[in-house]
Amino acid sequence: MTNPFAKAYRITHNILYPIFSIFHPVEVIGAENVPEGPVLMCGNHSSAWDPIQVIMALPKTYPLRIMAKKQLFRIPLIGPFLTAIGVFPVDRGNSDINAVKTSIKSLNDGFTLLLFPEGTRVKEKGQVEAKSGAAVIAVRSGVPMMPVFIDTKKRLFRKTRVIFGKPFAPVYTGRKGTAEEMQANVDEVMRQSYALGGM
């Protein structure tokens, strides 16, 4: 697989890793569950640091793309930087077809995709309903879904757990499944995500 983001991603990892190792170290649990092939990682989202801590929990050569809210790409310097390392925008308030297409293409190209199905930052399980689009992406890409838990309480100089659960195939009928089945799959991956953290 040709990875056009590999160099920028690796440089970013090299810069951030020593900083986070001191101020926000990561304890990785379940690394053996991370497959070599593409998977849709679905994580809980309580802090802006979450995607960075997942990056720190994975090897710097790992082919990862991340879906992030489009507002971040309007920030000078931040937007071009995110694009360079393979992050792409999503309009959370609407059905963003371009984001879905980019997600499916990325998975088909061999990337793993990280997204946060709840769509916003939440501190407690069940505060918002997860969006079924995550399951749609997994089904249309033919990849498994993987629960990921990132500790909700992050403290300076204390380890934050990033826990990778076991991937599972979404369950559905027919060629694309029903809306109810897609919602059930995303609810299940988030249930497993929070269960990894004991919530």
N, C-alpha and C. Protein backbone atom coordinates (compact mmCIF):
# COMPACT_ATOMS: atom_id res chain seq x y z
N MET A 1 0.83 -1.20 0.00
CA MET A 1 0.00 0.00 0.00
C MET A 1 0.87 1.26 0.00
N THR A 2 0.56 2.19 -0.89
CA THR A 2 1.26 3.47 -0.89
C THR A 2 0.58 4.41 0.10
N ASN A 3 1.36 4.94 1.01
CA ASN A 3 0.82 5.82 2.05
C ASN A 3 1.37 7.23 1.87
N PRO A 4 0.60 8.13 1.28
CA PRO A 4 1.10 9.49 1.04
C PRO A 4 1.26 10.32 2.31
N PHE A 5 0.73 9.82 3.42
CA PHE A 5 0.80 10.57 4.68
C PHE A 5 1.91 10.05 5.60
N ALA A 6 2.60 9.00 5.17
CA ALA A 6 3.52 8.28 6.06
C ALA A 6 4.62 9.18 6.62
N LYS A 7 5.25 9.99 5.76
CA LYS A 7 6.39 10.79 6.22
C LYS A 7 5.94 11.83 7.25
N ALA A 8 4.90 12.58 6.93
CA ALA A 8 4.42 13.61 7.87
C ALA A 8 3.91 12.98 9.16
N TYR A 9 3.25 11.84 9.05
CA TYR A 9 2.73 11.13 10.23
C TYR A 9 3.89 10.67 11.12
N ARG A 10 4.92 10.13 10.50
CA ARG A 10 6.07 9.63 11.26
C ARG A 10 6.80 10.78 11.95
N ILE A 11 6.98 11.88 11.26
CA ILE A 11 7.65 13.05 11.86
C ILE A 11 6.83 13.56 13.05
N THR A 12 5.51 13.63 12.87
CA THR A 12 4.63 14.09 13.95
C THR A 12 4.73 13.16 15.15
N HIS A 13 4.74 11.87 14.89
CA HIS A 13 4.85 10.89 15.97
C HIS A 13 6.17 11.07 16.71
N ASN A 14 7.26 11.27 15.96
CA ASN A 14 8.58 11.44 16.58
C ASN A 14 8.64 12.68 17.46
N ILE A 15 7.92 13.73 17.06
CA ILE A 15 7.92 14.97 17.84
C ILE A 15 7.04 14.84 19.08
N LEU A 16 5.85 14.28 18.90
CA LEU A 16 4.88 14.24 19.99
C LEU A 16 5.19 13.17 21.03
N TYR A 17 5.76 12.05 20.60
CA TYR A 17 5.91 10.93 21.53
C TYR A 17 6.72 11.29 22.78
N PRO A 18 7.90 11.91 22.66
CA PRO A 18 8.64 12.24 23.88
C PRO A 18 7.92 13.26 24.76
N ILE A 19 7.17 14.17 24.14
CA ILE A 19 6.43 15.17 24.93
C ILE A 19 5.32 14.48 25.73
N PHE A 20 4.55 13.64 25.04
CA PHE A 20 3.46 12.95 25.72
C PHE A 20 3.96 11.92 26.71
N SER A 21 5.13 11.35 26.47
CA SER A 21 5.69 10.38 27.41
C SER A 21 5.94 11.01 28.77
N ILE A 22 6.17 12.31 28.77
CA ILE A 22 6.41 13.02 30.03
C ILE A 22 5.11 13.57 30.62
N PHE A 23 4.36 14.30 29.82
CA PHE A 23 3.20 15.02 30.36
C PHE A 23 1.91 14.21 30.36
N HIS A 24 1.71 13.39 29.33
CA HIS A 24 0.50 12.57 29.25
C HIS A 24 0.87 11.17 28.76
N PRO A 25 1.61 10.40 29.57
CA PRO A 25 2.03 9.07 29.11
C PRO A 25 0.83 8.15 28.89
N VAL A 26 1.01 7.22 27.97
CA VAL A 26 -0.06 6.30 27.59
C VAL A 26 0.30 4.89 28.04
N GLU A 27 -0.68 4.23 28.63
CA GLU A 27 -0.55 2.81 28.95
C GLU A 27 -1.39 2.04 27.93
N VAL A 28 -0.74 1.24 27.12
CA VAL A 28 -1.43 0.52 26.05
C VAL A 28 -1.84 -0.87 26.54
N ILE A 29 -3.11 -1.18 26.39
CA ILE A 29 -3.65 -2.48 26.77
C ILE A 29 -4.37 -3.06 25.55
N GLY A 30 -4.11 -4.32 25.27
CA GLY A 30 -4.78 -4.98 24.16
C GLY A 30 -4.14 -4.74 22.81
N ALA A 31 -2.86 -4.39 22.79
CA ALA A 31 -2.18 -4.13 21.51
C ALA A 31 -2.23 -5.35 20.60
N GLU A 32 -2.32 -6.55 21.21
CA GLU A 32 -2.37 -7.77 20.41
C GLU A 32 -3.67 -7.88 19.62
N ASN A 33 -4.66 -7.07 19.96
CA ASN A 33 -5.95 -7.11 19.25
C ASN A 33 -5.95 -6.26 17.98
N VAL A 34 -4.93 -5.42 17.82
CA VAL A 34 -4.87 -4.55 16.65
C VAL A 34 -4.42 -5.36 15.45
N PRO A 35 -5.28 -5.50 14.43
CA PRO A 35 -4.92 -6.33 13.28
C PRO A 35 -3.96 -5.63 12.34
N GLU A 36 -3.34 -6.41 11.49
CA GLU A 36 -2.45 -5.83 10.49
C GLU A 36 -3.24 -5.19 9.36
N GLY A 37 -4.39 -5.75 9.05
CA GLY A 37 -5.22 -5.20 7.98
C GLY A 37 -6.13 -4.10 8.49
N PRO A 38 -6.90 -3.50 7.59
CA PRO A 38 -7.76 -2.38 7.96
C PRO A 38 -8.87 -2.77 8.91
N VAL A 39 -9.19 -1.87 9.81
CA VAL A 39 -10.26 -2.06 10.78
C VAL A 39 -10.84 -0.69 11.11
N LEU A 40 -12.10 -0.65 11.49
CA LEU A 40 -12.72 0.60 11.90
C LEU A 40 -12.66 0.70 13.41
N MET A 41 -11.77 1.54 13.92
CA MET A 41 -11.65 1.75 15.36
C MET A 41 -12.71 2.75 15.82
N CYS A 42 -13.50 2.34 16.80
CA CYS A 42 -14.56 3.19 17.33
C CYS A 42 -14.29 3.45 18.80
N GLY A 43 -14.01 4.71 19.13
CA GLY A 43 -13.64 5.03 20.50
C GLY A 43 -14.60 5.97 21.19
N ASN A 44 -14.56 5.93 22.51
CA ASN A 44 -15.25 6.96 23.29
C ASN A 44 -14.48 8.26 23.18
N HIS A 45 -15.12 9.37 23.46
CA HIS A 45 -14.49 10.66 23.21
C HIS A 45 -14.82 11.63 24.33
N SER A 46 -13.85 11.84 25.21
CA SER A 46 -14.07 12.74 26.34
C SER A 46 -13.16 13.96 26.33
N SER A 47 -12.17 13.98 25.43
CA SER A 47 -11.18 15.05 25.44
C SER A 47 -10.59 15.25 24.05
N ALA A 48 -10.13 16.47 23.81
CA ALA A 48 -9.47 16.76 22.53
C ALA A 48 -8.18 15.97 22.38
N TRP A 49 -7.64 15.46 23.48
CA TRP A 49 -6.40 14.69 23.43
C TRP A 49 -6.60 13.26 22.95
N ASP A 50 -7.83 12.79 22.90
CA ASP A 50 -8.08 11.37 22.61
C ASP A 50 -7.41 10.88 21.33
N PRO A 51 -7.60 11.54 20.18
CA PRO A 51 -6.97 11.00 18.96
C PRO A 51 -5.45 10.99 19.05
N ILE A 52 -4.87 11.99 19.71
CA ILE A 52 -3.41 12.01 19.84
C ILE A 52 -2.94 10.84 20.69
N GLN A 53 -3.69 10.53 21.73
CA GLN A 53 -3.27 9.43 22.60
C GLN A 53 -3.42 8.08 21.91
N VAL A 54 -4.39 7.95 21.01
CA VAL A 54 -4.47 6.73 20.22
C VAL A 54 -3.27 6.65 19.28
N ILE A 55 -2.91 7.77 18.67
CA ILE A 55 -1.72 7.80 17.82
C ILE A 55 -0.49 7.36 18.60
N MET A 56 -0.35 7.86 19.83
CA MET A 56 0.80 7.52 20.66
C MET A 56 0.80 6.04 21.06
N ALA A 57 -0.38 5.43 21.07
CA ALA A 57 -0.50 4.02 21.47
C ALA A 57 -0.18 3.06 20.34
N LEU A 58 -0.05 3.59 19.13
CA LEU A 58 0.21 2.75 17.96
C LEU A 58 1.62 3.01 17.41
N PRO A 59 2.19 2.06 16.69
CA PRO A 59 3.51 2.29 16.10
C PRO A 59 3.48 3.46 15.13
N LYS A 60 4.59 4.14 15.00
CA LYS A 60 4.63 5.32 14.13
C LYS A 60 4.50 4.97 12.65
N THR A 61 4.64 3.69 12.32
CA THR A 61 4.48 3.25 10.94
C THR A 61 3.06 2.73 10.67
N TYR A 62 2.20 2.78 11.67
CA TYR A 62 0.86 2.22 11.51
C TYR A 62 0.03 3.10 10.57
N PRO A 63 -0.62 2.51 9.56
CA PRO A 63 -1.37 3.30 8.57
C PRO A 63 -2.75 3.71 9.11
N LEU A 64 -2.79 4.83 9.78
CA LEU A 64 -4.01 5.29 10.45
C LEU A 64 -4.52 6.59 9.83
N ARG A 65 -5.82 6.64 9.61
CA ARG A 65 -6.48 7.89 9.25
C ARG A 65 -7.54 8.19 10.31
N ILE A 66 -7.81 9.48 10.49
CA ILE A 66 -8.74 9.90 11.53
C ILE A 66 -9.76 10.86 10.95
N MET A 67 -11.02 10.67 11.33
CA MET A 67 -12.08 11.60 10.96
C MET A 67 -12.22 12.63 12.09
N ALA A 68 -12.25 13.91 11.73
CA ALA A 68 -12.34 14.97 12.74
C ALA A 68 -13.31 16.06 12.29
N LYS A 69 -13.85 16.79 13.22
CA LYS A 69 -14.83 17.82 12.90
C LYS A 69 -14.22 18.89 11.99
N LYS A 70 -15.03 19.36 11.06
CA LYS A 70 -14.53 20.25 10.01
C LYS A 70 -14.04 21.59 10.55
N GLN A 71 -14.53 21.99 11.72
CA GLN A 71 -14.12 23.29 12.28
C GLN A 71 -12.62 23.36 12.53
N LEU A 72 -12.00 22.23 12.82
CA LEU A 72 -10.56 22.22 13.07
C LEU A 72 -9.76 22.61 11.85
N PHE A 73 -10.31 22.34 10.67
CA PHE A 73 -9.58 22.59 9.43
C PHE A 73 -9.63 24.06 9.02
N ARG A 74 -10.42 24.86 9.73
CA ARG A 74 -10.48 26.29 9.46
C ARG A 74 -9.44 27.07 10.25
N ILE A 75 -8.75 26.40 11.17
CA ILE A 75 -7.75 27.05 12.01
C ILE A 75 -6.43 27.16 11.24
N PRO A 76 -5.89 28.36 11.08
CA PRO A 76 -4.62 28.50 10.35
C PRO A 76 -3.54 27.58 10.91
N LEU A 77 -2.78 27.01 10.04
CA LEU A 77 -1.69 26.07 10.33
C LEU A 77 -2.21 24.70 10.77
N ILE A 78 -3.22 24.68 11.64
CA ILE A 78 -3.74 23.40 12.13
C ILE A 78 -4.38 22.60 10.99
N GLY A 79 -5.20 23.28 10.17
CA GLY A 79 -5.88 22.60 9.07
C GLY A 79 -4.93 21.91 8.11
N PRO A 80 -3.94 22.64 7.56
CA PRO A 80 -2.99 22.00 6.64
C PRO A 80 -2.18 20.89 7.31
N PHE A 81 -1.86 21.08 8.59
CA PHE A 81 -1.12 20.05 9.32
C PHE A 81 -1.94 18.77 9.43
N LEU A 82 -3.21 18.89 9.80
CA LEU A 82 -4.07 17.71 9.93
C LEU A 82 -4.20 16.99 8.59
N THR A 83 -4.38 17.75 7.53
CA THR A 83 -4.49 17.17 6.19
C THR A 83 -3.23 16.41 5.82
N ALA A 84 -2.07 16.96 6.19
CA ALA A 84 -0.78 16.35 5.84
C ALA A 84 -0.59 14.99 6.49
N ILE A 85 -1.15 14.80 7.69
CA ILE A 85 -0.95 13.52 8.37
C ILE A 85 -2.12 12.55 8.14
N GLY A 86 -3.06 12.94 7.27
CA GLY A 86 -4.11 12.01 6.88
C GLY A 86 -5.44 12.17 7.58
N VAL A 87 -5.57 13.20 8.40
CA VAL A 87 -6.86 13.48 9.04
C VAL A 87 -7.77 14.14 8.01
N PHE A 88 -9.06 13.82 8.02
CA PHE A 88 -9.98 14.44 7.07
C PHE A 88 -11.25 14.91 7.79
N PRO A 89 -11.93 15.91 7.23
CA PRO A 89 -13.04 16.55 7.95
C PRO A 89 -14.38 15.85 7.76
N VAL A 90 -15.25 16.08 8.76
CA VAL A 90 -16.63 15.64 8.67
C VAL A 90 -17.51 16.77 9.19
N ASP A 91 -18.61 16.99 8.51
CA ASP A 91 -19.61 17.95 8.96
C ASP A 91 -20.57 17.20 9.87
N ARG A 92 -20.38 17.36 11.19
CA ARG A 92 -21.13 16.55 12.14
C ARG A 92 -22.62 16.85 12.15
N GLY A 93 -23.00 18.03 11.71
CA GLY A 93 -24.40 18.42 11.78
C GLY A 93 -25.24 17.94 10.61
N ASN A 94 -24.60 17.37 9.60
CA ASN A 94 -25.32 16.95 8.41
C ASN A 94 -24.84 15.57 7.96
N SER A 95 -25.56 15.01 7.01
CA SER A 95 -25.12 13.74 6.43
C SER A 95 -24.00 14.06 5.44
N ASP A 96 -22.77 13.87 5.88
CA ASP A 96 -21.61 14.27 5.08
C ASP A 96 -21.19 13.11 4.17
N ILE A 97 -21.69 13.13 2.95
CA ILE A 97 -21.42 12.05 2.00
C ILE A 97 -19.93 11.98 1.65
N ASN A 98 -19.29 13.14 1.53
CA ASN A 98 -17.86 13.14 1.20
C ASN A 98 -17.03 12.46 2.28
N ALA A 99 -17.39 12.70 3.54
CA ALA A 99 -16.66 12.06 4.64
C ALA A 99 -16.86 10.55 4.61
N VAL A 100 -18.08 10.12 4.31
CA VAL A 100 -18.36 8.68 4.20
C VAL A 100 -17.56 8.06 3.06
N LYS A 101 -17.54 8.73 1.91
CA LYS A 101 -16.78 8.21 0.77
C LYS A 101 -15.29 8.14 1.07
N THR A 102 -14.76 9.18 1.74
CA THR A 102 -13.34 9.17 2.10
C THR A 102 -13.05 8.05 3.08
N SER A 103 -13.97 7.81 4.01
CA SER A 103 -13.80 6.73 4.98
C SER A 103 -13.72 5.38 4.29
N ILE A 104 -14.67 5.13 3.40
CA ILE A 104 -14.72 3.85 2.71
C ILE A 104 -13.49 3.65 1.82
N LYS A 105 -13.10 4.70 1.10
CA LYS A 105 -11.92 4.60 0.24
C LYS A 105 -10.67 4.33 1.07
N SER A 106 -10.55 5.00 2.22
CA SER A 106 -9.38 4.81 3.08
C SER A 106 -9.28 3.37 3.55
N LEU A 107 -10.40 2.80 3.99
CA LEU A 107 -10.40 1.41 4.44
C LEU A 107 -10.11 0.46 3.28
N ASN A 108 -10.69 0.74 2.12
CA ASN A 108 -10.43 -0.09 0.95
C ASN A 108 -8.98 -0.01 0.50
N ASP A 109 -8.33 1.12 0.78
CA ASP A 109 -6.93 1.31 0.41
C ASP A 109 -5.97 0.66 1.42
N GLY A 110 -6.52 0.14 2.53
CA GLY A 110 -5.67 -0.55 3.51
C GLY A 110 -5.40 0.21 4.79
N PHE A 111 -5.96 1.41 4.92
CA PHE A 111 -5.78 2.18 6.15
C PHE A 111 -6.72 1.66 7.23
N THR A 112 -6.33 1.83 8.48
CA THR A 112 -7.27 1.72 9.59
C THR A 112 -7.85 3.11 9.81
N LEU A 113 -9.12 3.16 10.17
CA LEU A 113 -9.80 4.43 10.38
C LEU A 113 -10.24 4.55 11.83
N LEU A 114 -9.91 5.67 12.45
CA LEU A 114 -10.35 5.97 13.81
C LEU A 114 -11.44 7.04 13.75
N LEU A 115 -12.57 6.74 14.38
CA LEU A 115 -13.60 7.76 14.52
C LEU A 115 -14.29 7.60 15.86
N PHE A 116 -15.06 8.62 16.22
CA PHE A 116 -15.74 8.65 17.51
C PHE A 116 -17.25 8.72 17.24
N PRO A 117 -17.92 7.57 17.28
CA PRO A 117 -19.32 7.51 16.85
C PRO A 117 -20.28 8.41 17.63
N GLU A 118 -19.92 8.82 18.84
CA GLU A 118 -20.81 9.69 19.60
C GLU A 118 -20.83 11.11 19.02
N GLY A 119 -19.81 11.44 18.24
CA GLY A 119 -19.83 12.69 17.49
C GLY A 119 -19.49 13.93 18.27
N THR A 120 -19.31 13.81 19.57
CA THR A 120 -18.95 14.96 20.39
C THR A 120 -18.30 14.43 21.66
N ARG A 121 -17.75 15.33 22.45
CA ARG A 121 -17.10 14.89 23.69
C ARG A 121 -18.12 14.63 24.79
N VAL A 122 -18.03 13.47 25.40
CA VAL A 122 -18.92 13.11 26.50
C VAL A 122 -18.09 12.49 27.62
N LYS A 123 -18.52 12.68 28.84
CA LYS A 123 -17.79 12.16 30.00
C LYS A 123 -18.36 10.84 30.51
N GLU A 124 -19.65 10.62 30.29
CA GLU A 124 -20.29 9.42 30.82
C GLU A 124 -21.00 8.65 29.71
N LYS A 125 -20.99 7.34 29.85
CA LYS A 125 -21.69 6.47 28.91
C LYS A 125 -23.18 6.82 28.86
N GLY A 126 -23.71 6.88 27.64
CA GLY A 126 -25.14 7.07 27.48
C GLY A 126 -25.60 8.51 27.43
N GLN A 127 -24.68 9.46 27.49
CA GLN A 127 -25.07 10.87 27.44
C GLN A 127 -25.63 11.26 26.08
N VAL A 128 -25.10 10.66 25.02
CA VAL A 128 -25.61 10.91 23.67
C VAL A 128 -25.71 9.58 22.94
N GLU A 129 -26.54 9.54 21.93
CA GLU A 129 -26.67 8.33 21.13
C GLU A 129 -25.60 8.31 20.05
N ALA A 130 -24.91 7.18 19.93
CA ALA A 130 -23.88 7.05 18.89
C ALA A 130 -24.53 7.07 17.51
N LYS A 131 -23.81 7.59 16.54
CA LYS A 131 -24.32 7.72 15.18
C LYS A 131 -24.12 6.41 14.42
N SER A 132 -25.17 5.98 13.72
CA SER A 132 -25.13 4.70 13.01
C SER A 132 -24.21 4.71 11.81
N GLY A 133 -23.77 5.90 11.36
CA GLY A 133 -22.90 6.00 10.19
C GLY A 133 -21.63 5.18 10.31
N ALA A 134 -21.13 5.00 11.55
CA ALA A 134 -19.92 4.19 11.73
C ALA A 134 -20.14 2.77 11.24
N ALA A 135 -21.29 2.19 11.58
CA ALA A 135 -21.59 0.83 11.14
C ALA A 135 -21.79 0.76 9.63
N VAL A 136 -22.40 1.79 9.07
CA VAL A 136 -22.59 1.84 7.61
C VAL A 136 -21.23 1.80 6.91
N ILE A 137 -20.28 2.57 7.42
CA ILE A 137 -18.94 2.60 6.83
C ILE A 137 -18.29 1.22 6.92
N ALA A 138 -18.41 0.57 8.07
CA ALA A 138 -17.81 -0.76 8.24
C ALA A 138 -18.43 -1.77 7.28
N VAL A 139 -19.75 -1.75 7.18
CA VAL A 139 -20.45 -2.71 6.32
C VAL A 139 -20.09 -2.50 4.85
N ARG A 140 -20.10 -1.25 4.41
CA ARG A 140 -19.82 -0.98 3.01
C ARG A 140 -18.35 -1.20 2.66
N SER A 141 -17.48 -1.16 3.66
CA SER A 141 -16.06 -1.40 3.42
C SER A 141 -15.70 -2.87 3.60
N GLY A 142 -16.57 -3.62 4.28
CA GLY A 142 -16.29 -5.02 4.54
C GLY A 142 -15.21 -5.24 5.57
N VAL A 143 -15.10 -4.31 6.55
CA VAL A 143 -14.08 -4.43 7.59
C VAL A 143 -14.74 -4.62 8.95
N PRO A 144 -14.02 -5.21 9.91
CA PRO A 144 -14.58 -5.35 11.25
C PRO A 144 -14.58 -4.03 12.01
N MET A 145 -15.41 -3.98 13.04
CA MET A 145 -15.45 -2.84 13.96
C MET A 145 -14.65 -3.21 15.20
N MET A 146 -13.97 -2.21 15.77
CA MET A 146 -13.09 -2.49 16.90
C MET A 146 -13.34 -1.48 18.01
N PRO A 147 -13.74 -1.94 19.20
CA PRO A 147 -13.94 -1.00 20.31
C PRO A 147 -12.61 -0.51 20.87
N VAL A 148 -12.55 0.78 21.18
CA VAL A 148 -11.37 1.38 21.79
C VAL A 148 -11.83 2.24 22.96
N PHE A 149 -11.16 2.09 24.09
CA PHE A 149 -11.49 2.93 25.25
C PHE A 149 -10.30 3.78 25.62
N ILE A 150 -10.54 5.09 25.79
CA ILE A 150 -9.52 6.02 26.26
C ILE A 150 -9.99 6.57 27.60
N ASP A 151 -9.15 6.47 28.62
CA ASP A 151 -9.54 6.95 29.94
C ASP A 151 -10.15 8.35 29.88
N THR A 152 -11.23 8.55 30.60
CA THR A 152 -11.90 9.85 30.57
C THR A 152 -11.23 10.87 31.49
N LYS A 153 -10.55 10.38 32.52
CA LYS A 153 -9.84 11.28 33.44
C LYS A 153 -8.37 11.31 33.05
N LYS A 154 -7.93 12.47 32.57
CA LYS A 154 -6.56 12.62 32.13
C LYS A 154 -5.85 13.62 33.03
N ARG A 155 -4.75 13.19 33.63
CA ARG A 155 -4.03 14.04 34.56
C ARG A 155 -2.57 14.15 34.13
N LEU A 156 -2.02 15.32 34.32
CA LEU A 156 -0.61 15.52 33.98
C LEU A 156 0.27 14.53 34.71
N PHE A 157 1.20 13.96 33.98
CA PHE A 157 2.21 13.04 34.50
C PHE A 157 1.63 11.70 34.96
N ARG A 158 0.35 11.47 34.73
CA ARG A 158 -0.28 10.19 35.06
C ARG A 158 -0.62 9.45 33.77
N LYS A 159 -0.51 8.16 33.82
CA LYS A 159 -0.78 7.36 32.62
C LYS A 159 -2.26 7.38 32.26
N THR A 160 -2.53 7.51 30.97
CA THR A 160 -3.88 7.37 30.42
C THR A 160 -3.94 6.03 29.70
N ARG A 161 -4.93 5.22 30.07
CA ARG A 161 -5.06 3.92 29.41
C ARG A 161 -5.72 4.08 28.03
N VAL A 162 -5.13 3.45 27.05
CA VAL A 162 -5.76 3.26 25.75
C VAL A 162 -5.91 1.76 25.58
N ILE A 163 -7.18 1.31 25.56
CA ILE A 163 -7.46 -0.12 25.56
C ILE A 163 -8.10 -0.52 24.23
N PHE A 164 -7.46 -1.45 23.54
CA PHE A 164 -7.97 -1.95 22.27
C PHE A 164 -8.70 -3.26 22.51
N GLY A 165 -9.98 -3.31 22.14
CA GLY A 165 -10.75 -4.54 22.27
C GLY A 165 -10.61 -5.41 21.04
N LYS A 166 -11.32 -6.52 21.04
CA LYS A 166 -11.25 -7.45 19.92
C LYS A 166 -12.19 -7.00 18.80
N PRO A 167 -11.71 -6.97 17.57
CA PRO A 167 -12.57 -6.61 16.44
C PRO A 167 -13.70 -7.63 16.26
N PHE A 168 -14.82 -7.17 15.76
CA PHE A 168 -15.92 -8.08 15.45
C PHE A 168 -16.60 -7.64 14.16
N ALA A 169 -17.18 -8.60 13.48
CA ALA A 169 -17.88 -8.31 12.23
C ALA A 169 -19.27 -7.78 12.54
N PRO A 170 -19.68 -6.67 11.94
CA PRO A 170 -21.05 -6.19 12.16
C PRO A 170 -22.07 -7.20 11.67
N VAL A 171 -23.19 -7.26 12.37
CA VAL A 171 -24.23 -8.22 12.05
C VAL A 171 -25.36 -7.51 11.30
N TYR A 172 -25.71 -8.04 10.14
CA TYR A 172 -26.77 -7.42 9.36
C TYR A 172 -27.33 -8.42 8.36
N THR A 173 -28.49 -8.09 7.82
CA THR A 173 -29.13 -8.95 6.83
C THR A 173 -29.13 -8.26 5.47
N GLY A 174 -29.26 -9.05 4.42
CA GLY A 174 -29.28 -8.47 3.09
C GLY A 174 -27.91 -7.95 2.68
N ARG A 175 -27.91 -7.08 1.69
CA ARG A 175 -26.64 -6.56 1.17
C ARG A 175 -26.10 -5.41 2.00
N LYS A 176 -26.99 -4.57 2.50
CA LYS A 176 -26.55 -3.38 3.24
C LYS A 176 -27.07 -3.32 4.66
N GLY A 177 -28.03 -4.19 5.00
CA GLY A 177 -28.59 -4.15 6.34
C GLY A 177 -29.63 -3.06 6.48
N THR A 178 -30.36 -3.09 7.59
CA THR A 178 -31.38 -2.09 7.86
C THR A 178 -30.83 -0.99 8.75
N ALA A 179 -31.55 0.12 8.81
CA ALA A 179 -31.15 1.22 9.68
C ALA A 179 -31.09 0.76 11.13
N GLU A 180 -32.04 -0.10 11.51
CA GLU A 180 -32.06 -0.61 12.89
C GLU A 180 -30.83 -1.48 13.17
N GLU A 181 -30.43 -2.27 12.19
CA GLU A 181 -29.24 -3.11 12.36
C GLU A 181 -27.98 -2.27 12.46
N MET A 182 -27.90 -1.20 11.67
CA MET A 182 -26.72 -0.33 11.74
C MET A 182 -26.63 0.33 13.12
N GLN A 183 -27.77 0.78 13.64
CA GLN A 183 -27.77 1.39 14.96
C GLN A 183 -27.40 0.37 16.04
N ALA A 184 -27.89 -0.86 15.89
CA ALA A 184 -27.57 -1.91 16.86
C ALA A 184 -26.08 -2.21 16.86
N ASN A 185 -25.46 -2.21 15.68
CA ASN A 185 -24.02 -2.48 15.60
C ASN A 185 -23.20 -1.39 16.25
N VAL A 186 -23.56 -0.14 16.01
CA VAL A 186 -22.77 0.95 16.60
C VAL A 186 -23.02 1.03 18.11
N ASP A 187 -24.24 0.70 18.54
CA ASP A 187 -24.51 0.65 19.98
C ASP A 187 -23.67 -0.45 20.64
N GLU A 188 -23.51 -1.56 19.93
CA GLU A 188 -22.74 -2.67 20.47
C GLU A 188 -21.26 -2.33 20.57
N VAL A 189 -20.70 -1.68 19.55
CA VAL A 189 -19.27 -1.35 19.61
C VAL A 189 -19.00 -0.34 20.72
N MET A 190 -19.94 0.58 20.95
CA MET A 190 -19.75 1.54 22.04
C MET A 190 -19.97 0.89 23.40
N ARG A 191 -20.89 -0.07 23.48
CA ARG A 191 -21.07 -0.80 24.73
C ARG A 191 -19.78 -1.52 25.09
N GLN A 192 -19.16 -2.17 24.09
CA GLN A 192 -17.90 -2.86 24.33
C GLN A 192 -16.78 -1.90 24.68
N SER A 193 -16.79 -0.73 24.01
CA SER A 193 -15.77 0.28 24.30
C SER A 193 -15.79 0.68 25.77
N TYR A 194 -16.96 1.06 26.25
CA TYR A 194 -17.07 1.48 27.64
C TYR A 194 -16.82 0.33 28.60
N ALA A 195 -17.21 -0.89 28.21
CA ALA A 195 -16.97 -2.05 29.07
C ALA A 195 -15.47 -2.29 29.25
N LEU A 196 -14.68 -2.00 28.22
CA LEU A 196 -13.22 -2.14 28.35
C LEU A 196 -12.68 -1.28 29.48
N GLY A 197 -13.30 -0.11 29.65
CA GLY A 197 -12.87 0.80 30.71
C GLY A 197 -13.59 0.62 32.02
N GLY A 198 -14.44 -0.42 32.10
CA GLY A 198 -15.15 -0.68 33.34
C GLY A 198 -16.34 0.22 33.56
N MET A 199 -16.85 0.82 32.49
CA MET A 199 -17.99 1.74 32.62
C MET A 199 -19.27 1.08 32.10
